[in-house]
Amino acid sequence: MSLQQQFDQAVADSKNLPERPDNMTLLKIYALYKQGSSGDATGDRPGMTDFVNRAKYDAWAALQGTSQEDAQQQYVDLIGELKG
């Protein structure tokens, strides 16, 4: 199975985890997904009053320079751990 297929399967699996991850883990999942599917963060950083989207953007931006393949592999590994 290719890395892209594993990534796609992990995305599907992420919707059916046995329990909801904590917020920091959810941010990591989001950031790895965005980096793995889109590459480095783009667009403007959300404003101070948009706490949720600002945190999501910052988590994604923190992965800048990580290759899409590395991010996909980290995503696959993280979802695998959360599945148990």
N, C-alpha and C. Protein backbone atom coordinates (compact mmCIF):
# COMPACT_ATOMS: atom_id res chain seq x y z
N MET A 1 0.85 -1.18 0.00
CA MET A 1 0.00 0.00 0.00
C MET A 1 0.90 1.24 0.00
N SER A 2 0.60 2.18 -0.88
CA SER A 2 1.43 3.39 -0.97
C SER A 2 1.19 4.29 0.23
N LEU A 3 2.11 5.22 0.45
CA LEU A 3 1.97 6.17 1.54
C LEU A 3 0.68 6.98 1.37
N GLN A 4 0.38 7.39 0.13
CA GLN A 4 -0.84 8.16 -0.12
C GLN A 4 -2.08 7.34 0.25
N GLN A 5 -2.08 6.06 -0.06
CA GLN A 5 -3.21 5.20 0.31
C GLN A 5 -3.30 5.04 1.82
N GLN A 6 -2.16 4.90 2.49
CA GLN A 6 -2.15 4.80 3.95
C GLN A 6 -2.68 6.09 4.57
N PHE A 7 -2.26 7.23 4.01
CA PHE A 7 -2.70 8.54 4.48
C PHE A 7 -4.22 8.67 4.32
N ASP A 8 -4.72 8.32 3.13
CA ASP A 8 -6.17 8.39 2.89
C ASP A 8 -6.94 7.50 3.85
N GLN A 9 -6.42 6.30 4.13
CA GLN A 9 -7.07 5.39 5.07
C GLN A 9 -7.04 5.97 6.48
N ALA A 10 -5.91 6.58 6.86
CA ALA A 10 -5.80 7.18 8.19
C ALA A 10 -6.78 8.35 8.35
N VAL A 11 -6.98 9.12 7.27
CA VAL A 11 -7.96 10.21 7.31
C VAL A 11 -9.35 9.63 7.58
N ALA A 12 -9.69 8.54 6.89
CA ALA A 12 -10.98 7.88 7.13
C ALA A 12 -11.06 7.35 8.56
N ASP A 13 -9.97 6.72 9.02
CA ASP A 13 -9.94 6.16 10.37
C ASP A 13 -10.06 7.24 11.44
N SER A 14 -9.55 8.44 11.15
CA SER A 14 -9.56 9.52 12.15
C SER A 14 -10.98 9.93 12.52
N LYS A 15 -11.94 9.63 11.67
CA LYS A 15 -13.34 9.98 11.94
C LYS A 15 -14.02 8.95 12.84
N ASN A 16 -13.35 7.84 13.10
CA ASN A 16 -13.94 6.75 13.88
C ASN A 16 -13.03 6.29 15.02
N LEU A 17 -12.35 7.23 15.67
CA LEU A 17 -11.47 6.85 16.77
C LEU A 17 -12.30 6.40 17.97
N PRO A 18 -11.76 5.48 18.79
CA PRO A 18 -12.53 4.99 19.94
C PRO A 18 -12.86 6.08 20.96
N GLU A 19 -12.00 7.07 21.09
CA GLU A 19 -12.31 8.20 21.98
C GLU A 19 -11.76 9.48 21.38
N ARG A 20 -12.39 10.59 21.77
CA ARG A 20 -11.99 11.89 21.23
C ARG A 20 -10.65 12.29 21.82
N PRO A 21 -9.66 12.60 20.96
CA PRO A 21 -8.35 13.04 21.47
C PRO A 21 -8.46 14.40 22.19
N ASP A 22 -7.48 14.69 23.03
CA ASP A 22 -7.45 16.00 23.69
C ASP A 22 -7.15 17.09 22.65
N ASN A 23 -7.35 18.34 23.05
CA ASN A 23 -7.22 19.45 22.11
C ASN A 23 -5.84 19.55 21.49
N MET A 24 -4.78 19.30 22.25
CA MET A 24 -3.42 19.39 21.70
C MET A 24 -3.22 18.31 20.63
N THR A 25 -3.74 17.13 20.87
CA THR A 25 -3.63 16.06 19.88
C THR A 25 -4.46 16.38 18.65
N LEU A 26 -5.65 16.95 18.86
CA LEU A 26 -6.48 17.36 17.72
C LEU A 26 -5.76 18.40 16.86
N LEU A 27 -5.07 19.33 17.50
CA LEU A 27 -4.31 20.33 16.75
C LEU A 27 -3.20 19.67 15.94
N LYS A 28 -2.54 18.69 16.55
CA LYS A 28 -1.46 17.98 15.85
C LYS A 28 -2.02 17.21 14.66
N ILE A 29 -3.17 16.56 14.85
CA ILE A 29 -3.82 15.84 13.75
C ILE A 29 -4.14 16.81 12.62
N TYR A 30 -4.73 17.95 12.97
CA TYR A 30 -5.09 18.95 11.96
C TYR A 30 -3.85 19.44 11.21
N ALA A 31 -2.82 19.80 11.96
CA ALA A 31 -1.61 20.35 11.35
C ALA A 31 -0.94 19.33 10.42
N LEU A 32 -0.84 18.09 10.86
CA LEU A 32 -0.22 17.06 10.03
C LEU A 32 -1.06 16.78 8.78
N TYR A 33 -2.40 16.83 8.94
CA TYR A 33 -3.27 16.65 7.79
C TYR A 33 -3.05 17.76 6.76
N LYS A 34 -3.05 19.01 7.25
CA LYS A 34 -2.88 20.14 6.34
C LYS A 34 -1.51 20.11 5.66
N GLN A 35 -0.47 19.82 6.43
CA GLN A 35 0.89 19.77 5.87
C GLN A 35 0.99 18.61 4.88
N GLY A 36 0.40 17.48 5.22
CA GLY A 36 0.46 16.30 4.37
C GLY A 36 -0.35 16.43 3.10
N SER A 37 -1.40 17.23 3.14
CA SER A 37 -2.25 17.35 1.96
C SER A 37 -1.99 18.62 1.16
N SER A 38 -1.51 19.69 1.84
CA SER A 38 -1.37 20.99 1.16
C SER A 38 0.04 21.56 1.18
N GLY A 39 0.92 21.02 2.01
CA GLY A 39 2.25 21.61 2.14
C GLY A 39 2.26 22.72 3.18
N ASP A 40 3.24 23.63 3.06
CA ASP A 40 3.41 24.69 4.05
C ASP A 40 2.18 25.59 4.15
N ALA A 41 1.99 26.14 5.34
CA ALA A 41 0.85 27.01 5.63
C ALA A 41 0.81 28.19 4.66
N THR A 42 -0.40 28.51 4.24
CA THR A 42 -0.62 29.63 3.33
C THR A 42 -1.71 30.52 3.89
N GLY A 43 -1.84 31.70 3.34
CA GLY A 43 -2.89 32.62 3.78
C GLY A 43 -2.45 33.43 4.97
N ASP A 44 -3.34 34.32 5.40
CA ASP A 44 -3.05 35.19 6.53
C ASP A 44 -3.39 34.50 7.84
N ARG A 45 -2.62 34.83 8.86
CA ARG A 45 -2.88 34.30 10.20
C ARG A 45 -4.16 34.94 10.73
N PRO A 46 -5.11 34.12 11.23
CA PRO A 46 -6.35 34.68 11.77
C PRO A 46 -6.08 35.66 12.91
N GLY A 47 -7.01 36.58 13.12
CA GLY A 47 -6.87 37.62 14.14
C GLY A 47 -6.95 37.09 15.56
N MET A 48 -6.60 37.96 16.50
CA MET A 48 -6.54 37.62 17.92
C MET A 48 -7.87 37.08 18.46
N THR A 49 -8.98 37.54 17.94
CA THR A 49 -10.28 37.13 18.48
C THR A 49 -10.74 35.78 17.96
N ASP A 50 -10.10 35.28 16.93
CA ASP A 50 -10.46 33.98 16.35
C ASP A 50 -9.53 32.91 16.92
N PHE A 51 -9.73 32.59 18.18
CA PHE A 51 -8.81 31.72 18.92
C PHE A 51 -8.61 30.35 18.28
N VAL A 52 -9.71 29.71 17.91
CA VAL A 52 -9.64 28.34 17.40
C VAL A 52 -8.86 28.30 16.08
N ASN A 53 -9.27 29.13 15.13
CA ASN A 53 -8.59 29.10 13.83
C ASN A 53 -7.16 29.61 13.91
N ARG A 54 -6.89 30.52 14.84
CA ARG A 54 -5.53 31.00 15.04
C ARG A 54 -4.64 29.86 15.56
N ALA A 55 -5.15 29.09 16.50
CA ALA A 55 -4.38 27.96 17.05
C ALA A 55 -4.14 26.91 15.96
N LYS A 56 -5.15 26.66 15.14
CA LYS A 56 -5.00 25.69 14.07
C LYS A 56 -3.96 26.16 13.06
N TYR A 57 -4.02 27.44 12.70
CA TYR A 57 -3.05 28.00 11.75
C TYR A 57 -1.64 27.92 12.33
N ASP A 58 -1.48 28.29 13.60
CA ASP A 58 -0.16 28.27 14.23
C ASP A 58 0.41 26.86 14.29
N ALA A 59 -0.44 25.87 14.56
CA ALA A 59 0.01 24.48 14.61
C ALA A 59 0.49 24.04 13.22
N TRP A 60 -0.24 24.44 12.19
CA TRP A 60 0.15 24.10 10.82
C TRP A 60 1.44 24.83 10.45
N ALA A 61 1.51 26.12 10.76
CA ALA A 61 2.70 26.92 10.41
C ALA A 61 3.95 26.39 11.10
N ALA A 62 3.79 25.78 12.28
CA ALA A 62 4.94 25.23 13.02
C ALA A 62 5.60 24.07 12.25
N LEU A 63 4.89 23.48 11.32
CA LEU A 63 5.43 22.36 10.54
C LEU A 63 6.09 22.81 9.24
N GLN A 64 6.21 24.11 9.04
CA GLN A 64 6.79 24.63 7.80
C GLN A 64 8.13 23.97 7.53
N GLY A 65 8.31 23.55 6.29
CA GLY A 65 9.55 22.90 5.89
C GLY A 65 9.50 21.39 5.98
N THR A 66 8.48 20.85 6.66
CA THR A 66 8.30 19.40 6.73
C THR A 66 7.75 18.95 5.38
N SER A 67 8.35 17.93 4.80
CA SER A 67 7.85 17.46 3.50
C SER A 67 6.46 16.87 3.66
N GLN A 68 5.70 16.90 2.57
CA GLN A 68 4.36 16.33 2.62
C GLN A 68 4.43 14.84 2.97
N GLU A 69 5.44 14.15 2.47
CA GLU A 69 5.58 12.72 2.75
C GLU A 69 5.85 12.48 4.24
N ASP A 70 6.73 13.28 4.84
CA ASP A 70 7.01 13.13 6.27
C ASP A 70 5.75 13.41 7.09
N ALA A 71 5.03 14.45 6.72
CA ALA A 71 3.80 14.79 7.44
C ALA A 71 2.77 13.68 7.30
N GLN A 72 2.66 13.12 6.10
CA GLN A 72 1.71 12.02 5.90
C GLN A 72 2.09 10.82 6.76
N GLN A 73 3.38 10.49 6.82
CA GLN A 73 3.82 9.35 7.62
C GLN A 73 3.55 9.60 9.09
N GLN A 74 3.83 10.80 9.58
CA GLN A 74 3.56 11.13 10.98
C GLN A 74 2.06 11.05 11.27
N TYR A 75 1.24 11.49 10.33
CA TYR A 75 -0.21 11.42 10.48
C TYR A 75 -0.67 9.97 10.58
N VAL A 76 -0.19 9.13 9.66
CA VAL A 76 -0.53 7.70 9.66
C VAL A 76 -0.13 7.08 11.00
N ASP A 77 1.07 7.37 11.47
CA ASP A 77 1.56 6.81 12.73
C ASP A 77 0.71 7.27 13.91
N LEU A 78 0.37 8.56 13.95
CA LEU A 78 -0.41 9.12 15.06
C LEU A 78 -1.82 8.51 15.09
N ILE A 79 -2.47 8.44 13.96
CA ILE A 79 -3.81 7.85 13.92
C ILE A 79 -3.75 6.38 14.30
N GLY A 80 -2.69 5.69 13.86
CA GLY A 80 -2.52 4.28 14.25
C GLY A 80 -2.41 4.12 15.75
N GLU A 81 -1.66 5.01 16.40
CA GLU A 81 -1.54 4.97 17.87
C GLU A 81 -2.89 5.23 18.53
N LEU A 82 -3.64 6.19 18.01
CA LEU A 82 -4.91 6.56 18.62
C LEU A 82 -5.99 5.47 18.42
N LYS A 83 -5.84 4.71 17.34
CA LYS A 83 -6.78 3.61 17.10
C LYS A 83 -6.58 2.48 18.10
N GLY A 84 -5.36 2.38 18.61
CA GLY A 84 -5.07 1.36 19.61
C GLY A 84 -4.63 0.04 19.05
